[in-house]
Amino acid sequence: MGLGRIMAELCAEDRKPVDETAQEIIRRLEEEKNFIPSSERVRRQYAYVLLKEYKKYLTERSGSGR
């Protein structure tokens, strides 16, 4: 899947946890041949969850626990 690697790359690129970053995660997942539903509603929900996970990833990496 590569999600962990993608998040590490985005963190190294100093990407902020914003909507554009969620879209970039989806783009990179699709590039790696991961299935992403075509439904706009489902994609929005998926982007929301990915952004939430990216925020969690950044918090864990910073060690702040917020």
Protein backbone atom coordinates (compact mmCIF):
# COMPACT_ATOMS: atom_id res chain seq x y z
CA MET A 1 0.00 0.00 0.00
CA GLY A 2 2.74 2.48 0.90
CA LEU A 3 0.66 4.83 3.05
CA GLY A 4 3.30 5.02 5.78
CA ARG A 5 6.00 5.79 3.23
CA ILE A 6 3.81 8.43 1.58
CA MET A 7 3.14 10.12 4.91
CA ALA A 8 6.87 10.06 5.72
CA GLU A 9 7.63 11.66 2.35
CA LEU A 10 5.01 14.38 2.87
CA CYS A 11 6.33 15.05 6.37
CA ALA A 12 9.88 15.36 4.97
CA GLU A 13 8.49 17.80 2.39
CA ASP A 14 7.05 19.80 5.33
CA ARG A 15 3.50 19.41 4.01
CA LYS A 16 0.86 20.87 6.28
CA PRO A 17 -2.26 18.84 7.17
CA VAL A 18 -4.62 20.63 4.78
CA ASP A 19 -7.07 19.49 2.10
CA GLU A 20 -4.45 19.74 -0.64
CA THR A 21 -2.25 17.30 1.25
CA ALA A 22 -5.10 14.80 1.53
CA GLN A 23 -5.58 15.07 -2.24
CA GLU A 24 -1.86 14.51 -2.74
CA ILE A 25 -1.98 11.37 -0.58
CA ILE A 26 -4.84 10.06 -2.74
CA ARG A 27 -2.92 10.91 -5.93
CA ARG A 28 0.18 9.06 -4.71
CA LEU A 29 -1.86 6.06 -3.60
CA GLU A 30 -3.48 5.89 -7.04
CA GLU A 31 -0.06 6.19 -8.64
CA GLU A 32 0.95 3.04 -6.75
CA LYS A 33 -2.10 1.25 -8.16
CA ASN A 34 -4.13 1.30 -4.94
CA PHE A 35 -7.86 1.22 -5.52
CA ILE A 36 -9.55 4.54 -4.76
CA PRO A 37 -13.31 4.71 -5.37
CA SER A 38 -14.44 7.09 -8.11
CA SER A 39 -17.50 8.35 -6.21
CA GLU A 40 -16.91 11.99 -5.20
CA ARG A 41 -18.74 11.46 -1.91
CA VAL A 42 -16.61 8.46 -1.01
CA ARG A 43 -13.41 10.25 -2.13
CA ARG A 44 -14.26 13.20 0.15
CA GLN A 45 -14.79 10.83 3.08
CA TYR A 46 -11.57 9.01 2.28
CA ALA A 47 -9.68 12.32 2.06
CA TYR A 48 -11.09 13.30 5.47
CA VAL A 49 -9.88 10.05 7.05
CA LEU A 50 -6.47 10.31 5.38
CA LEU A 51 -6.06 13.87 6.62
CA LYS A 52 -7.03 12.80 10.14
CA GLU A 53 -4.41 10.01 9.98
CA TYR A 54 -1.78 12.39 8.61
CA LYS A 55 -2.43 14.80 11.51
CA LYS A 56 -2.05 11.87 13.92
CA TYR A 57 1.18 10.86 12.17
CA LEU A 58 2.59 14.38 12.50
CA THR A 59 1.62 14.55 16.17
CA GLU A 60 3.29 11.22 16.90
CA ARG A 61 6.43 12.28 15.04
CA SER A 62 6.66 15.55 16.94
CA GLY A 63 6.23 13.77 20.26
CA SER A 64 3.86 16.47 21.46
CA GLY A 65 0.94 14.12 22.05
CA ARG A 66 -1.60 16.80 21.12
